[in-house]
Amino acid sequence: MAITYELGRALYLNITNRCTNACDFCVRNTYGSVNGKDVLWLDSEPDTDTVLGEISGRDTGKYSEIVFCGYGEPMVRYDTVLEVCRGLKQKDKNTKIRINTNGHGNLIAGFDITPKMEGLVDALSVSMNAKNAAQYEEICHPAYGEKTFGEVLLFATKAKAYVPDVTLTAVGILSREDILECEKIALGLGLAFRLRKMIE
């Protein structure tokens, strides 16, 4: 069971296996491991102290960033995510923190959580993965139904006021035309866009 793992120069935090999407392309469905790590399935969800304890013995200064991304949607546990961010920033305010998310945070919480990220989160990578609501439902099968795609875009747009770097992303399974449409949507919202490989 791995709460932390390294990819490149970044340290990744795996805090839940729960997700509010059931994406056709999800790495959990198609691969047994990420970067050789086959222990991302958790026996239980770690609390804030456990996560910070896993990091405390490390020289966080050697990492380019600390990223919330594992076998689940981190914002299912948004309170824990923000508590860990606060602990990391208290230890070293220069620590760069990114959250890889499906953008369902406000739907999960039932209110706008984006203001809570101010000063704690340096970057958000928000998976849009579709050019419209119908395609999103077809590919991602969201728990919140047809309204989800619009809420993902709204989450990213609201977060822009509190998080310095907000990027909408899409995986490379889409057609070139669909990817260009996703990029057009992102840029139209004043957000960056990035095409993702299947495994990061």
Protein backbone atom coordinates (compact mmCIF):
# COMPACT_ATOMS: atom_id res chain seq x y z
CA MET A 1 0.00 0.00 0.00
CA ALA A 2 1.64 3.23 -1.17
CA ILE A 3 0.54 6.60 0.16
CA THR A 4 3.47 8.31 -1.57
CA TYR A 5 5.35 7.54 -4.77
CA GLU A 6 7.80 9.38 -6.99
CA LEU A 7 7.49 10.16 -10.68
CA GLY A 8 10.23 12.19 -12.25
CA ARG A 9 11.13 15.02 -9.88
CA ALA A 10 7.69 15.11 -8.21
CA LEU A 11 6.29 13.40 -5.13
CA TYR A 12 2.77 12.04 -5.55
CA LEU A 13 0.19 11.51 -2.78
CA ASN A 14 -2.32 8.66 -3.06
CA ILE A 15 -5.01 9.27 -0.42
CA THR A 16 -8.13 7.55 -1.73
CA ASN A 17 -9.30 4.90 -4.19
CA ARG A 18 -12.79 6.37 -4.42
CA CYS A 19 -13.87 8.28 -7.52
CA THR A 20 -17.02 10.00 -8.79
CA ASN A 21 -16.25 9.01 -12.38
CA ALA A 22 -15.92 5.58 -13.97
CA CYS A 23 -13.90 6.56 -17.02
CA ASP A 24 -13.50 4.06 -19.83
CA PHE A 25 -9.80 4.88 -20.13
CA CYS A 26 -8.96 4.86 -16.40
CA VAL A 27 -5.54 3.44 -15.55
CA ARG A 28 -7.18 1.40 -12.80
CA ASN A 29 -9.06 -0.59 -15.44
CA THR A 30 -6.27 -1.13 -17.90
CA TYR A 31 -2.94 -1.28 -16.05
CA GLY A 32 -1.70 -3.18 -13.03
CA SER A 33 0.68 -0.46 -11.97
CA VAL A 34 1.82 3.13 -12.43
CA ASN A 35 5.53 3.53 -13.05
CA GLY A 36 6.05 0.05 -11.65
CA LYS A 37 4.05 0.78 -8.50
CA ASP A 38 1.40 -1.90 -8.09
CA VAL A 39 0.53 -0.98 -4.50
CA LEU A 40 -1.69 2.05 -5.07
CA TRP A 41 -4.75 0.14 -3.88
CA LEU A 42 -5.27 1.28 -0.29
CA ASP A 43 -6.35 -0.95 2.59
CA SER A 44 -7.68 2.18 4.29
CA GLU A 45 -7.65 5.91 3.68
CA PRO A 46 -4.81 7.66 5.53
CA ASP A 47 -5.65 10.57 7.82
CA THR A 48 -3.87 13.92 7.69
CA ASP A 49 -1.23 13.01 10.29
CA THR A 50 -0.42 9.78 8.48
CA VAL A 51 0.06 11.54 5.15
CA LEU A 52 2.22 14.27 6.69
CA GLY A 53 4.17 11.61 8.58
CA GLU A 54 4.94 9.84 5.29
CA ILE A 55 6.40 13.10 3.98
CA SER A 56 8.12 14.37 7.14
CA GLY A 57 11.26 12.31 6.69
CA ARG A 58 11.79 13.52 3.15
CA ASP A 59 13.63 16.57 1.87
CA THR A 60 10.66 18.20 0.17
CA GLY A 61 12.97 20.81 -1.30
CA LYS A 62 14.30 18.25 -3.76
CA TYR A 63 10.90 17.84 -5.40
CA SER A 64 9.68 20.10 -8.18
CA GLU A 65 6.17 19.75 -6.72
CA ILE A 66 3.97 17.61 -4.52
CA VAL A 67 0.97 16.24 -6.41
CA PHE A 68 -2.30 14.79 -5.14
CA CYS A 69 -2.88 11.98 -7.64
CA GLY A 70 -3.37 8.28 -7.05
CA TYR A 71 -5.93 5.55 -7.69
CA GLY A 72 -8.88 7.83 -6.96
CA GLU A 73 -10.23 11.38 -6.98
CA PRO A 74 -8.43 13.33 -4.23
CA MET A 75 -11.22 15.89 -3.80
CA VAL A 76 -13.51 13.14 -2.50
CA ARG A 77 -11.47 13.97 0.63
CA TYR A 78 -11.18 17.72 0.10
CA ASP A 79 -10.92 18.47 3.84
CA THR A 80 -7.94 16.13 4.20
CA VAL A 81 -6.35 17.48 1.03
CA LEU A 82 -6.53 21.04 2.33
CA GLU A 83 -5.28 20.05 5.79
CA VAL A 84 -2.26 18.31 4.22
CA CYS A 85 -1.63 21.35 2.02
CA ARG A 86 -1.71 23.58 5.09
CA GLY A 87 0.77 21.34 6.90
CA LEU A 88 3.12 21.30 3.93
CA LYS A 89 3.00 25.07 3.53
CA GLN A 90 3.64 25.57 7.26
CA LYS A 91 6.74 23.41 6.97
CA ASP A 92 7.96 25.15 3.80
CA LYS A 93 5.93 27.93 2.21
CA ASN A 94 7.87 27.46 -1.03
CA THR A 95 6.62 23.89 -1.53
CA LYS A 96 4.72 23.74 -4.81
CA ILE A 97 1.46 21.81 -4.54
CA ARG A 98 -0.66 20.56 -7.43
CA ILE A 99 -3.97 18.71 -7.36
CA ASN A 100 -4.92 16.45 -10.25
CA THR A 101 -8.70 16.37 -10.16
CA ASN A 102 -11.78 15.51 -12.17
CA GLY A 103 -13.24 18.88 -11.19
CA HIS A 104 -16.11 17.47 -9.15
CA GLY A 105 -14.99 19.14 -5.92
CA ASN A 106 -17.92 21.52 -5.60
CA LEU A 107 -20.41 18.77 -6.44
CA ILE A 108 -18.85 16.51 -3.83
CA ALA A 109 -18.83 19.19 -1.13
CA GLY A 110 -22.19 20.70 -1.98
CA PHE A 111 -20.70 24.20 -1.96
CA ASP A 112 -17.94 26.20 -3.63
CA ILE A 113 -14.66 24.98 -2.15
CA THR A 114 -12.39 26.96 -4.47
CA PRO A 115 -11.84 29.89 -2.04
CA LYS A 116 -10.44 27.40 0.49
CA MET A 117 -7.54 26.65 -1.87
CA GLU A 118 -6.17 30.19 -1.79
CA GLY A 119 -2.59 30.24 -0.53
CA LEU A 120 -2.50 26.44 -0.24
CA VAL A 121 -2.69 25.14 -3.81
CA ASP A 122 -0.33 26.36 -6.52
CA ALA A 123 -1.72 24.43 -9.48
CA LEU A 124 -4.84 22.55 -10.51
CA SER A 125 -4.93 20.07 -13.35
CA VAL A 126 -8.62 19.57 -14.14
CA SER A 127 -9.63 16.69 -16.42
CA MET A 128 -12.31 17.77 -18.88
CA ASN A 129 -11.76 14.82 -21.25
CA ALA A 130 -14.64 15.75 -23.56
CA LYS A 131 -15.89 18.54 -25.80
CA ASN A 132 -19.44 18.57 -24.41
CA ALA A 133 -21.75 17.10 -21.77
CA ALA A 134 -22.95 14.19 -23.92
CA GLN A 135 -19.43 13.04 -24.74
CA TYR A 136 -18.38 13.44 -21.10
CA GLU A 137 -21.21 11.18 -19.94
CA GLU A 138 -20.37 8.62 -22.61
CA ILE A 139 -16.67 8.47 -21.71
CA CYS A 140 -16.52 9.30 -17.99
CA HIS A 141 -19.86 8.03 -16.63
CA PRO A 142 -20.05 10.66 -13.85
CA ALA A 143 -22.00 9.96 -10.66
CA TYR A 144 -23.67 13.36 -10.95
CA GLY A 145 -25.13 12.88 -14.42
CA GLU A 146 -25.52 15.28 -17.31
CA LYS A 147 -24.87 18.45 -15.31
CA THR A 148 -21.33 17.32 -14.45
CA PHE A 149 -19.45 18.61 -17.49
CA GLY A 150 -20.73 22.15 -17.00
CA GLU A 151 -19.86 21.93 -13.31
CA VAL A 152 -16.31 20.81 -14.14
CA LEU A 153 -15.80 23.88 -16.31
CA LEU A 154 -17.38 26.10 -13.66
CA PHE A 155 -15.11 24.64 -10.96
CA ALA A 156 -12.02 25.37 -13.04
CA THR A 157 -13.20 28.89 -13.86
CA LYS A 158 -13.95 29.71 -10.21
CA ALA A 159 -10.64 28.24 -9.08
CA LYS A 160 -8.78 30.66 -11.34
CA ALA A 161 -9.45 33.43 -8.78
CA TYR A 162 -7.62 31.52 -6.02
CA VAL A 163 -5.09 29.18 -7.66
CA PRO A 164 -2.24 30.67 -9.75
CA ASP A 165 -2.11 27.89 -12.35
CA VAL A 166 -5.33 26.22 -13.55
CA THR A 167 -5.12 23.90 -16.55
CA LEU A 168 -7.86 21.94 -18.28
CA THR A 169 -6.64 18.63 -19.66
CA ALA A 170 -7.82 15.85 -21.96
CA VAL A 171 -6.45 12.38 -22.60
CA GLY A 172 -5.10 11.35 -25.97
CA ILE A 173 -7.90 8.89 -26.74
CA LEU A 174 -9.99 11.69 -28.26
CA SER A 175 -9.89 12.50 -31.96
CA ARG A 176 -7.73 15.41 -33.10
CA GLU A 177 -10.88 17.41 -33.84
CA ASP A 178 -12.25 16.80 -30.35
CA ILE A 179 -8.94 17.72 -28.75
CA LEU A 180 -8.87 20.99 -30.68
CA GLU A 181 -12.42 21.70 -29.51
CA CYS A 182 -11.39 21.03 -25.89
CA GLU A 183 -8.48 23.42 -26.28
CA LYS A 184 -10.79 26.05 -27.75
CA ILE A 185 -13.12 25.74 -24.75
CA ALA A 186 -10.23 26.04 -22.29
CA LEU A 187 -8.73 29.09 -23.95
CA GLY A 188 -12.17 30.67 -24.22
CA LEU A 189 -12.47 30.39 -20.43
CA GLY A 190 -9.06 32.00 -19.97
CA LEU A 191 -7.49 28.72 -18.86
CA ALA A 192 -4.48 26.78 -20.07
CA PHE A 193 -4.91 23.48 -21.90
CA ARG A 194 -2.77 20.36 -21.93
CA LEU A 195 -3.07 17.07 -23.75
CA ARG A 196 -2.26 14.18 -21.39
CA LYS A 197 -0.71 10.84 -22.11
CA MET A 198 -2.62 7.84 -20.79
CA ILE A 199 -0.26 7.41 -17.81
CA GLU A 200 1.45 10.28 -16.01
